[in-house]
């Protein structure tokens, strides 16, 4: 991963924390997941790495992967979520924040963007 992408992702995250808005400019879903022994782990990492906002932290079995998706990237989000949704440490963030019912409600709202 190149340093420019890292800086852009960090800046976007910091901006959302330091300058919270009552109205979000856009609706984004972030999928964060850790190392898993599943056969689909490698494919999940590859899918996440294709996203320009992809970041990782930690090492080995403590490594965490994170990618943020907009409504325009809903198909990529759907593919990744189908691989990692049953993993215990998978987190869903809405506009970079933990919000109740991320899996059950907010993510389902994103699926409406799949209707064409």
PDB file of N, CA and C in Angstrom:
ATOM      1  N   UNK A   1       0.854  -1.170   0.000  1.00  0.00           N
ATOM      2  CA  UNK A   1       0.000   0.000   0.000  1.00  0.00           C
ATOM      3  C   UNK A   1       0.892   1.222   0.000  1.00  0.00           C
ATOM      4  N   UNK A   2       0.531   2.201  -0.808  1.00  0.00           N
ATOM      5  CA  UNK A   2       1.392   3.370  -0.868  1.00  0.00           C
ATOM      6  C   UNK A   2       1.023   4.384   0.219  1.00  0.00           C
ATOM      7  N   UNK A   3       1.973   5.238   0.542  1.00  0.00           N
ATOM      8  CA  UNK A   3       1.820   6.192   1.639  1.00  0.00           C
ATOM      9  C   UNK A   3       0.718   7.208   1.373  1.00  0.00           C
ATOM     10  N   UNK A   4       0.518   7.588   0.122  1.00  0.00           N
ATOM     11  CA  UNK A   4      -0.508   8.586  -0.209  1.00  0.00           C
ATOM     12  C   UNK A   4      -1.906   8.083   0.150  1.00  0.00           C
ATOM     13  N   UNK A   5      -2.206   6.807  -0.173  1.00  0.00           N
ATOM     14  CA  UNK A   5      -3.507   6.237   0.166  1.00  0.00           C
ATOM     15  C   UNK A   5      -3.693   6.191   1.679  1.00  0.00           C
ATOM     16  N   UNK A   6      -2.615   5.825   2.395  1.00  0.00           N
ATOM     17  CA  UNK A   6      -2.672   5.790   3.856  1.00  0.00           C
ATOM     18  C   UNK A   6      -2.991   7.164   4.416  1.00  0.00           C
ATOM     19  N   UNK A   7      -2.318   8.179   3.907  1.00  0.00           N
ATOM     20  CA  UNK A   7      -2.528   9.542   4.395  1.00  0.00           C
ATOM     21  C   UNK A   7      -3.948  10.017   4.111  1.00  0.00           C
ATOM     22  N   UNK A   8      -4.467   9.718   2.924  1.00  0.00           N
ATOM     23  CA  UNK A   8      -5.826  10.126   2.573  1.00  0.00           C
ATOM     24  C   UNK A   8      -6.853   9.449   3.479  1.00  0.00           C
ATOM     25  N   UNK A   9      -6.656   8.163   3.752  1.00  0.00           N
ATOM     26  CA  UNK A   9      -7.585   7.428   4.613  1.00  0.00           C
ATOM     27  C   UNK A   9      -7.537   7.960   6.041  1.00  0.00           C
ATOM     28  N   UNK A  10      -6.335   8.242   6.531  1.00  0.00           N
ATOM     29  CA  UNK A  10      -6.182   8.772   7.889  1.00  0.00           C
ATOM     30  C   UNK A  10      -6.791  10.168   7.991  1.00  0.00           C
ATOM     31  N   UNK A  11      -6.566  10.999   6.974  1.00  0.00           N
ATOM     32  CA  UNK A  11      -7.117  12.353   6.977  1.00  0.00           C
ATOM     33  C   UNK A  11      -8.640  12.318   6.986  1.00  0.00           C
ATOM     34  N   UNK A  12      -9.235  11.458   6.167  1.00  0.00           N
ATOM     35  CA  UNK A  12     -10.693  11.344   6.120  1.00  0.00           C
ATOM     36  C   UNK A  12     -11.248  10.906   7.469  1.00  0.00           C
ATOM     37  N   UNK A  13     -10.571   9.958   8.110  1.00  0.00           N
ATOM     38  CA  UNK A  13     -11.026   9.477   9.414  1.00  0.00           C
ATOM     39  C   UNK A  13     -10.905  10.575  10.471  1.00  0.00           C
ATOM     40  N   UNK A  14      -9.772  11.272  10.480  1.00  0.00           N
ATOM     41  CA  UNK A  14      -9.573  12.361  11.440  1.00  0.00           C
ATOM     42  C   UNK A  14     -10.560  13.496  11.219  1.00  0.00           C
ATOM     43  N   UNK A  15     -10.811  13.855   9.961  1.00  0.00           N
ATOM     44  CA  UNK A  15     -11.771  14.913   9.662  1.00  0.00           C
ATOM     45  C   UNK A  15     -13.156  14.575  10.206  1.00  0.00           C
ATOM     46  N   UNK A  16     -13.566  13.318  10.064  1.00  0.00           N
ATOM     47  CA  UNK A  16     -14.895  12.935  10.542  1.00  0.00           C
ATOM     48  C   UNK A  16     -14.980  12.975  12.069  1.00  0.00           C
ATOM     49  N   UNK A  17     -13.839  12.784  12.741  1.00  0.00           N
ATOM     50  CA  UNK A  17     -13.818  12.845  14.202  1.00  0.00           C
ATOM     51  C   UNK A  17     -13.722  14.294  14.693  1.00  0.00           C
ATOM     52  N   UNK A  18     -12.811  15.060  14.093  1.00  0.00           N
ATOM     53  CA  UNK A  18     -12.562  16.426  14.538  1.00  0.00           C
ATOM     54  C   UNK A  18     -13.636  17.415  14.103  1.00  0.00           C
ATOM     55  N   UNK A  19     -14.251  17.168  12.959  1.00  0.00           N
ATOM     56  CA  UNK A  19     -15.240  18.091  12.413  1.00  0.00           C
ATOM     57  C   UNK A  19     -16.542  17.365  12.106  1.00  0.00           C
ATOM     58  N   UNK A  20     -17.199  16.850  13.148  1.00  0.00           N
ATOM     59  CA  UNK A  20     -18.444  16.107  12.899  1.00  0.00           C
ATOM     60  C   UNK A  20     -19.518  17.034  12.336  1.00  0.00           C
ATOM     61  N   UNK A  21     -20.290  16.513  11.447  1.00  0.00           N
ATOM     62  CA  UNK A  21     -21.362  17.284  10.831  1.00  0.00           C
ATOM     63  C   UNK A  21     -22.689  16.666  11.241  1.00  0.00           C
ATOM     64  N   UNK A  22     -23.707  17.514  11.297  1.00  0.00           N
ATOM     65  CA  UNK A  22     -25.023  16.957  11.577  1.00  0.00           C
ATOM     66  C   UNK A  22     -25.566  16.266  10.334  1.00  0.00           C
ATOM     67  N   UNK A  23     -25.103  16.701   9.182  1.00  0.00           N
ATOM     68  CA  UNK A  23     -25.482  16.051   7.930  1.00  0.00           C
ATOM     69  C   UNK A  23     -24.219  15.520   7.264  1.00  0.00           C
ATOM     70  N   UNK A  24     -24.173  14.250   7.042  1.00  0.00           N
ATOM     71  CA  UNK A  24     -23.014  13.651   6.393  1.00  0.00           C
ATOM     72  C   UNK A  24     -23.035  13.998   4.905  1.00  0.00           C
ATOM     73  N   UNK A  25     -21.845  14.224   4.352  1.00  0.00           N
ATOM     74  CA  UNK A  25     -21.767  14.504   2.920  1.00  0.00           C
ATOM     75  C   UNK A  25     -22.170  13.282   2.116  1.00  0.00           C
ATOM     76  N   UNK A  26     -21.838  12.116   2.616  1.00  0.00           N
ATOM     77  CA  UNK A  26     -22.192  10.895   1.915  1.00  0.00           C
ATOM     78  C   UNK A  26     -22.355   9.761   2.915  1.00  0.00           C
ATOM     79  N   UNK A  27     -22.996   8.724   2.456  1.00  0.00           N
ATOM     80  CA  UNK A  27     -23.260   7.538   3.263  1.00  0.00           C
ATOM     81  C   UNK A  27     -22.168   6.534   2.963  1.00  0.00           C
ATOM     82  N   UNK A  28     -21.404   6.150   3.978  1.00  0.00           N
ATOM     83  CA  UNK A  28     -20.308   5.204   3.789  1.00  0.00           C
ATOM     84  C   UNK A  28     -20.424   4.082   4.812  1.00  0.00           C
ATOM     85  N   UNK A  29     -20.085   2.898   4.372  1.00  0.00           N
ATOM     86  CA  UNK A  29     -20.039   1.734   5.254  1.00  0.00           C
ATOM     87  C   UNK A  29     -18.604   1.224   5.274  1.00  0.00           C
ATOM     88  N   UNK A  30     -18.084   1.029   6.478  1.00  0.00           N
ATOM     89  CA  UNK A  30     -16.747   0.476   6.638  1.00  0.00           C
ATOM     90  C   UNK A  30     -16.864  -0.938   7.185  1.00  0.00           C
ATOM     91  N   UNK A  31     -16.133  -1.846   6.582  1.00  0.00           N
ATOM     92  CA  UNK A  31     -16.054  -3.224   7.070  1.00  0.00           C
ATOM     93  C   UNK A  31     -14.666  -3.405   7.660  1.00  0.00           C
ATOM     94  N   UNK A  32     -14.621  -3.821   8.928  1.00  0.00           N
ATOM     95  CA  UNK A  32     -13.354  -4.092   9.613  1.00  0.00           C
ATOM     96  C   UNK A  32     -13.381  -5.543  10.075  1.00  0.00           C
ATOM     97  N   UNK A  33     -12.341  -6.273   9.740  1.00  0.00           N
ATOM     98  CA  UNK A  33     -12.277  -7.679  10.146  1.00  0.00           C
ATOM     99  C   UNK A  33     -10.839  -8.062  10.443  1.00  0.00           C
ATOM    100  N   UNK A  34     -10.687  -9.086  11.239  1.00  0.00           N
ATOM    101  CA  UNK A  34      -9.372  -9.551  11.636  1.00  0.00           C
ATOM    102  C   UNK A  34      -9.004 -10.867  10.978  1.00  0.00           C
ATOM    103  N   UNK A  35      -7.855 -11.369  11.371  1.00  0.00           N
ATOM    104  CA  UNK A  35      -7.350 -12.646  10.859  1.00  0.00           C
ATOM    105  C   UNK A  35      -8.346 -13.748  11.197  1.00  0.00           C
ATOM    106  N   UNK A  36      -8.517 -14.662  10.267  1.00  0.00           N
ATOM    107  CA  UNK A  36      -9.454 -15.762  10.475  1.00  0.00           C
ATOM    108  C   UNK A  36      -8.914 -17.014   9.802  1.00  0.00           C
ATOM    109  N   UNK A  37      -9.228 -18.162  10.347  1.00  0.00           N
ATOM    110  CA  UNK A  37      -8.756 -19.431   9.800  1.00  0.00           C
ATOM    111  C   UNK A  37      -9.618 -19.938   8.647  1.00  0.00           C
ATOM    112  N   UNK A  38     -10.643 -19.217   8.311  1.00  0.00           N
ATOM    113  CA  UNK A  38     -11.542 -19.610   7.233  1.00  0.00           C
ATOM    114  C   UNK A  38     -10.803 -19.680   5.895  1.00  0.00           C
ATOM    115  N   UNK A  39     -11.288 -20.548   5.021  1.00  0.00           N
ATOM    116  CA  UNK A  39     -10.699 -20.650   3.685  1.00  0.00           C
ATOM    117  C   UNK A  39     -10.969 -19.384   2.866  1.00  0.00           C
ATOM    118  N   UNK A  40     -11.951 -18.609   3.251  1.00  0.00           N
ATOM    119  CA  UNK A  40     -12.280 -17.393   2.503  1.00  0.00           C
ATOM    120  C   UNK A  40     -11.518 -16.153   3.005  1.00  0.00           C
ATOM    121  N   UNK A  41     -10.650 -16.332   4.014  1.00  0.00           N
ATOM    122  CA  UNK A  41      -9.895 -15.188   4.566  1.00  0.00           C
ATOM    123  C   UNK A  41      -9.025 -14.522   3.501  1.00  0.00           C
ATOM    124  N   UNK A  42      -8.291 -15.303   2.744  1.00  0.00           N
ATOM    125  CA  UNK A  42      -7.389 -14.742   1.736  1.00  0.00           C
ATOM    126  C   UNK A  42      -8.176 -13.958   0.680  1.00  0.00           C
ATOM    127  N   UNK A  43      -9.302 -14.497   0.240  1.00  0.00           N
ATOM    128  CA  UNK A  43     -10.133 -13.807  -0.745  1.00  0.00           C
ATOM    129  C   UNK A  43     -10.707 -12.515  -0.156  1.00  0.00           C
ATOM    130  N   UNK A  44     -11.106 -12.555   1.110  1.00  0.00           N
ATOM    131  CA  UNK A  44     -11.635 -11.348   1.762  1.00  0.00           C
ATOM    132  C   UNK A  44     -10.572 -10.254   1.808  1.00  0.00           C
ATOM    133  N   UNK A  45      -9.353 -10.615   2.143  1.00  0.00           N
ATOM    134  CA  UNK A  45      -8.254  -9.641   2.187  1.00  0.00           C
ATOM    135  C   UNK A  45      -8.012  -9.070   0.796  1.00  0.00           C
ATOM    136  N   UNK A  46      -8.015  -9.927  -0.218  1.00  0.00           N
ATOM    137  CA  UNK A  46      -7.807  -9.457  -1.594  1.00  0.00           C
ATOM    138  C   UNK A  46      -8.897  -8.480  -2.026  1.00  0.00           C
ATOM    139  N   UNK A  47     -10.154  -8.790  -1.694  1.00  0.00           N
ATOM    140  CA  UNK A  47     -11.254  -7.886  -2.029  1.00  0.00           C
ATOM    141  C   UNK A  47     -11.107  -6.547  -1.316  1.00  0.00           C
ATOM    142  N   UNK A  48     -10.780  -6.583  -0.038  1.00  0.00           N
ATOM    143  CA  UNK A  48     -10.609  -5.351   0.730  1.00  0.00           C
ATOM    144  C   UNK A  48      -9.448  -4.519   0.180  1.00  0.00           C
ATOM    145  N   UNK A  49      -8.367  -5.179  -0.205  1.00  0.00           N
ATOM    146  CA  UNK A  49      -7.191  -4.473  -0.710  1.00  0.00           C
ATOM    147  C   UNK A  49      -7.458  -3.759  -2.030  1.00  0.00           C
ATOM    148  N   UNK A  50      -8.439  -4.177  -2.778  1.00  0.00           N
ATOM    149  CA  UNK A  50      -8.791  -3.506  -4.031  1.00  0.00           C
ATOM    150  C   UNK A  50      -9.404  -2.124  -3.781  1.00  0.00           C
ATOM    151  N   UNK A  51      -9.940  -1.922  -2.595  1.00  0.00           N
ATOM    152  CA  UNK A  51     -10.578  -0.651  -2.262  1.00  0.00           C
ATOM    153  C   UNK A  51      -9.514   0.409  -1.991  1.00  0.00           C
ATOM    154  N   UNK A  52      -9.659   1.618  -2.531  1.00  0.00           N
ATOM    155  CA  UNK A  52      -8.650   2.664  -2.332  1.00  0.00           C
ATOM    156  C   UNK A  52      -8.502   3.123  -0.879  1.00  0.00           C
ATOM    157  N   UNK A  53      -9.506   2.856  -0.043  1.00  0.00           N
ATOM    158  CA  UNK A  53      -9.422   3.276   1.356  1.00  0.00           C
ATOM    159  C   UNK A  53      -8.869   2.182   2.266  1.00  0.00           C
ATOM    160  N   UNK A  54      -8.455   1.075   1.688  1.00  0.00           N
ATOM    161  CA  UNK A  54      -7.992  -0.071   2.479  1.00  0.00           C
ATOM    162  C   UNK A  54      -6.851   0.319   3.420  1.00  0.00           C
ATOM    163  N   UNK A  55      -6.975  -0.118   4.670  1.00  0.00           N
ATOM    164  CA  UNK A  55      -5.887   0.028   5.641  1.00  0.00           C
ATOM    165  C   UNK A  55      -5.773  -1.268   6.421  1.00  0.00           C
ATOM    166  N   UNK A  56      -4.608  -1.485   6.981  1.00  0.00           N
ATOM    167  CA  UNK A  56      -4.417  -2.632   7.866  1.00  0.00           C
ATOM    168  C   UNK A  56      -3.557  -2.180   9.018  1.00  0.00           C
ATOM    169  N   UNK A  57      -3.769  -2.826  10.151  1.00  0.00           N
ATOM    170  CA  UNK A  57      -2.952  -2.538  11.320  1.00  0.00           C
ATOM    171  C   UNK A  57      -2.717  -3.833  12.077  1.00  0.00           C
ATOM    172  N   UNK A  58      -1.628  -3.878  12.809  1.00  0.00           N
ATOM    173  CA  UNK A  58      -1.273  -5.072  13.550  1.00  0.00           C
ATOM    174  C   UNK A  58      -0.509  -6.059  12.680  1.00  0.00           C
ATOM    175  N   UNK A  59      -0.171  -7.191  13.307  1.00  0.00           N
ATOM    176  CA  UNK A  59       0.588  -8.225  12.605  1.00  0.00           C
ATOM    177  C   UNK A  59       0.061  -9.609  12.966  1.00  0.00           C
ATOM    178  N   UNK A  60       0.313 -10.543  12.063  1.00  0.00           N
ATOM    179  CA  UNK A  60      -0.051 -11.936  12.315  1.00  0.00           C
ATOM    180  C   UNK A  60      -1.522 -12.106  12.605  1.00  0.00           C
ATOM    181  N   UNK A  61      -1.815 -12.894  13.639  1.00  0.00           N
ATOM    182  CA  UNK A  61      -3.216 -13.155  13.972  1.00  0.00           C
ATOM    183  C   UNK A  61      -3.914 -11.953  14.592  1.00  0.00           C
ATOM    184  N   UNK A  62      -3.190 -10.883  14.885  1.00  0.00           N
ATOM    185  CA  UNK A  62      -3.769  -9.662  15.446  1.00  0.00           C
ATOM    186  C   UNK A  62      -4.021  -8.606  14.373  1.00  0.00           C
ATOM    187  N   UNK A  63      -3.764  -8.940  13.134  1.00  0.00           N
ATOM    188  CA  UNK A  63      -3.935  -7.985  12.035  1.00  0.00           C
ATOM    189  C   UNK A  63      -5.409  -7.682  11.814  1.00  0.00           C
ATOM    190  N   UNK A  64      -5.707  -6.400  11.596  1.00  0.00           N
ATOM    191  CA  UNK A  64      -7.071  -5.948  11.289  1.00  0.00           C
ATOM    192  C   UNK A  64      -7.062  -5.304   9.906  1.00  0.00           C
ATOM    193  N   UNK A  65      -8.063  -5.617   9.117  1.00  0.00           N
ATOM    194  CA  UNK A  65      -8.222  -5.073   7.780  1.00  0.00           C
ATOM    195  C   UNK A  65      -9.464  -4.184   7.784  1.00  0.00           C
ATOM    196  N   UNK A  66      -9.390  -3.087   7.017  1.00  0.00           N
ATOM    197  CA  UNK A  66     -10.513  -2.161   7.000  1.00  0.00           C
ATOM    198  C   UNK A  66     -10.645  -1.546   5.611  1.00  0.00           C
ATOM    199  N   UNK A  67     -11.870  -1.469   5.105  1.00  0.00           N
ATOM    200  CA  UNK A  67     -12.145  -0.822   3.823  1.00  0.00           C
ATOM    201  C   UNK A  67     -13.495  -0.125   3.926  1.00  0.00           C
ATOM    202  N   UNK A  68     -13.581   1.055   3.321  1.00  0.00           N
ATOM    203  CA  UNK A  68     -14.797   1.861   3.363  1.00  0.00           C
ATOM    204  C   UNK A  68     -15.417   1.923   1.974  1.00  0.00           C
ATOM    205  N   UNK A  69     -16.734   1.754   1.929  1.00  0.00           N
ATOM    206  CA  UNK A  69     -17.455   1.690   0.666  1.00  0.00           C
ATOM    207  C   UNK A  69     -18.557   2.739   0.604  1.00  0.00           C
ATOM    208  N   UNK A  70     -18.730   3.319  -0.569  1.00  0.00           N
ATOM    209  CA  UNK A  70     -19.806   4.271  -0.828  1.00  0.00           C
ATOM    210  C   UNK A  70     -20.919   3.538  -1.578  1.00  0.00           C
ATOM    211  N   UNK A  71     -22.067   4.175  -1.752  1.00  0.00           N
ATOM    212  CA  UNK A  71     -23.144   3.512  -2.504  1.00  0.00           C
ATOM    213  C   UNK A  71     -22.723   3.087  -3.912  1.00  0.00           C
ATOM    214  N   UNK A  72     -21.811   3.820  -4.532  1.00  0.00           N
ATOM    215  CA  UNK A  72     -21.345   3.450  -5.863  1.00  0.00           C
ATOM    216  C   UNK A  72     -20.547   2.141  -5.854  1.00  0.00           C
ATOM    217  N   UNK A  73     -20.029   1.754  -4.698  1.00  0.00           N
ATOM    218  CA  UNK A  73     -19.215   0.539  -4.569  1.00  0.00           C
ATOM    219  C   UNK A  73     -19.968  -0.584  -3.864  1.00  0.00           C
ATOM    220  N   UNK A  74     -21.281  -0.535  -3.923  1.00  0.00           N
ATOM    221  CA  UNK A  74     -22.106  -1.466  -3.161  1.00  0.00           C
ATOM    222  C   UNK A  74     -21.865  -2.927  -3.551  1.00  0.00           C
ATOM    223  N   UNK A  75     -21.578  -3.205  -4.807  1.00  0.00           N
ATOM    224  CA  UNK A  75     -21.355  -4.599  -5.212  1.00  0.00           C
ATOM    225  C   UNK A  75     -20.087  -5.164  -4.574  1.00  0.00           C
ATOM    226  N   UNK A  76     -19.031  -4.362  -4.501  1.00  0.00           N
ATOM    227  CA  UNK A  76     -17.791  -4.795  -3.852  1.00  0.00           C
ATOM    228  C   UNK A  76     -18.024  -5.018  -2.351  1.00  0.00           C
ATOM    229  N   UNK A  77     -18.797  -4.117  -1.749  1.00  0.00           N
ATOM    230  CA  UNK A  77     -19.147  -4.265  -0.328  1.00  0.00           C
ATOM    231  C   UNK A  77     -19.921  -5.559  -0.110  1.00  0.00           C
ATOM    232  N   UNK A  78     -20.875  -5.825  -0.964  1.00  0.00           N
ATOM    233  CA  UNK A  78     -21.694  -7.027  -0.850  1.00  0.00           C
ATOM    234  C   UNK A  78     -20.839  -8.287  -0.923  1.00  0.00           C
ATOM    235  N   UNK A  79     -19.898  -8.317  -1.869  1.00  0.00           N
ATOM    236  CA  UNK A  79     -19.012  -9.476  -2.003  1.00  0.00           C
ATOM    237  C   UNK A  79     -18.180  -9.686  -0.738  1.00  0.00           C
ATOM    238  N   UNK A  80     -17.588  -8.600  -0.224  1.00  0.00           N
ATOM    239  CA  UNK A  80     -16.762  -8.716   0.979  1.00  0.00           C
ATOM    240  C   UNK A  80     -17.599  -9.124   2.184  1.00  0.00           C
ATOM    241  N   UNK A  81     -18.732  -8.481   2.365  1.00  0.00           N
ATOM    242  CA  UNK A  81     -19.572  -8.790   3.523  1.00  0.00           C
ATOM    243  C   UNK A  81     -20.023 -10.243   3.511  1.00  0.00           C
ATOM    244  N   UNK A  82     -20.335 -10.790   2.348  1.00  0.00           N
ATOM    245  CA  UNK A  82     -20.748 -12.190   2.274  1.00  0.00           C
ATOM    246  C   UNK A  82     -19.658 -13.141   2.738  1.00  0.00           C
ATOM    247  N   UNK A  83     -18.408 -12.727   2.636  1.00  0.00           N
ATOM    248  CA  UNK A  83     -17.303 -13.571   3.092  1.00  0.00           C
ATOM    249  C   UNK A  83     -17.062 -13.452   4.596  1.00  0.00           C
ATOM    250  N   UNK A  84     -17.256 -12.275   5.173  1.00  0.00           N
ATOM    251  CA  UNK A  84     -16.826 -12.032   6.557  1.00  0.00           C
ATOM    252  C   UNK A  84     -17.961 -11.846   7.560  1.00  0.00           C
ATOM    253  N   UNK A  85     -19.216 -11.860   7.128  1.00  0.00           N
ATOM    254  CA  UNK A  85     -20.317 -11.495   8.023  1.00  0.00           C
ATOM    255  C   UNK A  85     -20.490 -12.423   9.233  1.00  0.00           C
ATOM    256  N   UNK A  86     -20.067 -13.661   9.140  1.00  0.00           N
ATOM    257  CA  UNK A  86     -20.246 -14.583  10.267  1.00  0.00           C
ATOM    258  C   UNK A  86     -19.057 -14.607  11.223  1.00  0.00           C
ATOM    259  N   UNK A  87     -18.000 -13.905  10.887  1.00  0.00           N
ATOM    260  CA  UNK A  87     -16.814 -13.908  11.735  1.00  0.00           C
ATOM    261  C   UNK A  87     -17.055 -13.044  12.969  1.00  0.00           C
ATOM    262  N   UNK A  88     -16.653 -13.568  14.093  1.00  0.00           N
ATOM    263  CA  UNK A  88     -16.917 -12.940  15.384  1.00  0.00           C
ATOM    264  C   UNK A  88     -16.397 -11.504  15.486  1.00  0.00           C
ATOM    265  N   UNK A  89     -15.245 -11.222  14.908  1.00  0.00           N
ATOM    266  CA  UNK A  89     -14.633  -9.899  15.081  1.00  0.00           C
ATOM    267  C   UNK A  89     -14.945  -8.921  13.945  1.00  0.00           C
ATOM    268  N   UNK A  90     -15.870  -9.264  13.060  1.00  0.00           N
ATOM    269  CA  UNK A  90     -16.242  -8.348  11.987  1.00  0.00           C
ATOM    270  C   UNK A  90     -17.064  -7.197  12.555  1.00  0.00           C
ATOM    271  N   UNK A  91     -16.664  -5.981  12.170  1.00  0.00           N
ATOM    272  CA  UNK A  91     -17.381  -4.787  12.613  1.00  0.00           C
ATOM    273  C   UNK A  91     -17.876  -4.022  11.394  1.00  0.00           C
ATOM    274  N   UNK A  92     -19.037  -3.403  11.544  1.00  0.00           N
ATOM    275  CA  UNK A  92     -19.601  -2.541  10.509  1.00  0.00           C
ATOM    276  C   UNK A  92     -19.688  -1.139  11.098  1.00  0.00           C
ATOM    277  N   UNK A  93     -19.068  -0.177  10.420  1.00  0.00           N
ATOM    278  CA  UNK A  93     -19.093   1.217  10.850  1.00  0.00           C
ATOM    279  C   UNK A  93     -19.879   2.025   9.822  1.00  0.00           C
ATOM    280  N   UNK A  94     -20.643   2.992  10.292  1.00  0.00           N
ATOM    281  CA  UNK A  94     -21.388   3.881   9.411  1.00  0.00           C
ATOM    282  C   UNK A  94     -20.739   5.252   9.488  1.00  0.00           C
ATOM    283  N   UNK A  95     -20.262   5.743   8.356  1.00  0.00           N
ATOM    284  CA  UNK A  95     -19.521   7.006   8.308  1.00  0.00           C
ATOM    285  C   UNK A  95     -18.410   7.022   9.358  1.00  0.00           C
ATOM    286  N   UNK A  96     -17.677   5.921   9.443  1.00  0.00           N
ATOM    287  CA  UNK A  96     -16.506   5.732  10.314  1.00  0.00           C
ATOM    288  C   UNK A  96     -16.845   5.702  11.805  1.00  0.00           C
ATOM    289  N   UNK A  97     -18.098   5.461  12.157  1.00  0.00           N
ATOM    290  CA  UNK A  97     -18.487   5.430  13.565  1.00  0.00           C
ATOM    291  C   UNK A  97     -19.240   4.141  13.871  1.00  0.00           C
ATOM    292  N   UNK A  98     -19.025   3.632  15.077  1.00  0.00           N
ATOM    293  CA  UNK A  98     -19.798   2.474  15.518  1.00  0.00           C
ATOM    294  C   UNK A  98     -21.195   2.960  15.868  1.00  0.00           C
ATOM    295  N   UNK A  99     -22.167   2.396  15.217  1.00  0.00           N
ATOM    296  CA  UNK A  99     -23.556   2.774  15.439  1.00  0.00           C
ATOM    297  C   UNK A  99     -24.329   1.490  15.720  1.00  0.00           C
ATOM    298  N   UNK A 100     -25.248   1.542  16.680  1.00  0.00           N
ATOM    299  CA  UNK A 100     -26.028   0.330  16.972  1.00  0.00           C
ATOM    300  C   UNK A 100     -26.715  -0.218  15.716  1.00  0.00           C
ATOM    301  N   UNK A 101     -26.788  -1.518  15.653  1.00  0.00           N
ATOM    302  CA  UNK A 101     -27.458  -2.243  14.577  1.00  0.00           C
ATOM    303  C   UNK A 101     -26.768  -2.068  13.220  1.00  0.00           C
ATOM    304  N   UNK A 102     -25.458  -1.918  13.224  1.00  0.00           N
ATOM    305  CA  UNK A 102     -24.709  -1.768  11.977  1.00  0.00           C
ATOM    306  C   UNK A 102     -24.970  -2.908  11.010  1.00  0.00           C
ATOM    307  N   UNK A 103     -24.875  -4.148  11.505  1.00  0.00           N
ATOM    308  CA  UNK A 103     -25.115  -5.320  10.652  1.00  0.00           C
ATOM    309  C   UNK A 103     -26.591  -5.429  10.264  1.00  0.00           C
ATOM    310  N   UNK A 104     -27.463  -5.257  11.266  1.00  0.00           N
ATOM    311  CA  UNK A 104     -28.864  -5.580  11.089  1.00  0.00           C
ATOM    312  C   UNK A 104     -29.671  -4.523  10.349  1.00  0.00           C
ATOM    313  N   UNK A 105     -29.306  -3.255  10.463  1.00  0.00           N
ATOM    314  CA  UNK A 105     -30.125  -2.211   9.866  1.00  0.00           C
ATOM    315  C   UNK A 105     -29.371  -1.399   8.816  1.00  0.00           C
ATOM    316  N   UNK A 106     -28.296  -0.782   9.226  1.00  0.00           N
ATOM    317  CA  UNK A 106     -27.602   0.153   8.335  1.00  0.00           C
ATOM    318  C   UNK A 106     -27.039  -0.521   7.093  1.00  0.00           C
ATOM    319  N   UNK A 107     -26.501  -1.697   7.269  1.00  0.00           N
ATOM    320  CA  UNK A 107     -25.964  -2.402   6.105  1.00  0.00           C
ATOM    321  C   UNK A 107     -27.080  -2.783   5.144  1.00  0.00           C
ATOM    322  N   UNK A 108     -28.220  -3.154   5.679  1.00  0.00           N
ATOM    323  CA  UNK A 108     -29.358  -3.499   4.817  1.00  0.00           C
ATOM    324  C   UNK A 108     -29.817  -2.298   4.001  1.00  0.00           C
ATOM    325  N   UNK A 109     -29.712  -1.115   4.567  1.00  0.00           N
ATOM    326  CA  UNK A 109     -30.074   0.085   3.801  1.00  0.00           C
ATOM    327  C   UNK A 109     -29.166   0.261   2.595  1.00  0.00           C
ATOM    328  N   UNK A 110     -27.914  -0.122   2.753  1.00  0.00           N
ATOM    329  CA  UNK A 110     -26.967  -0.023   1.633  1.00  0.00           C
ATOM    330  C   UNK A 110     -27.369  -0.963   0.501  1.00  0.00           C
ATOM    331  N   UNK A 111     -27.995  -2.092   0.828  1.00  0.00           N
ATOM    332  CA  UNK A 111     -28.359  -3.047  -0.219  1.00  0.00           C
ATOM    333  C   UNK A 111     -29.388  -2.466  -1.182  1.00  0.00           C
ATOM    334  N   UNK A 112     -30.142  -1.438  -0.777  1.00  0.00           N
ATOM    335  CA  UNK A 112     -31.091  -0.811  -1.707  1.00  0.00           C
ATOM    336  C   UNK A 112     -30.380  -0.204  -2.915  1.00  0.00           C
ATOM    337  N   UNK A 113     -29.104   0.141  -2.756  1.00  0.00           N
ATOM    338  CA  UNK A 113     -28.341   0.679  -3.876  1.00  0.00           C
ATOM    339  C   UNK A 113     -27.997  -0.388  -4.910  1.00  0.00           C
ATOM    340  N   UNK A 114     -28.244  -1.661  -4.581  1.00  0.00           N
ATOM    341  CA  UNK A 114     -27.989  -2.740  -5.537  1.00  0.00           C
ATOM    342  C   UNK A 114     -29.122  -2.850  -6.553  1.00  0.00           C
ATOM    343  N   UNK A 115     -30.261  -2.286  -6.256  1.00  0.00           N
ATOM    344  CA  UNK A 115     -31.409  -2.352  -7.163  1.00  0.00           C
ATOM    345  C   UNK A 115     -31.162  -1.391  -8.327  1.00  0.00           C
ATOM    346  N   UNK A 116     -31.241  -1.923  -9.516  1.00  0.00           N
ATOM    347  CA  UNK A 116     -30.961  -1.089 -10.701  1.00  0.00           C
ATOM    348  C   UNK A 116     -32.117  -1.066 -11.640  1.00  0.00           C
TER     349      UNK A 116
END
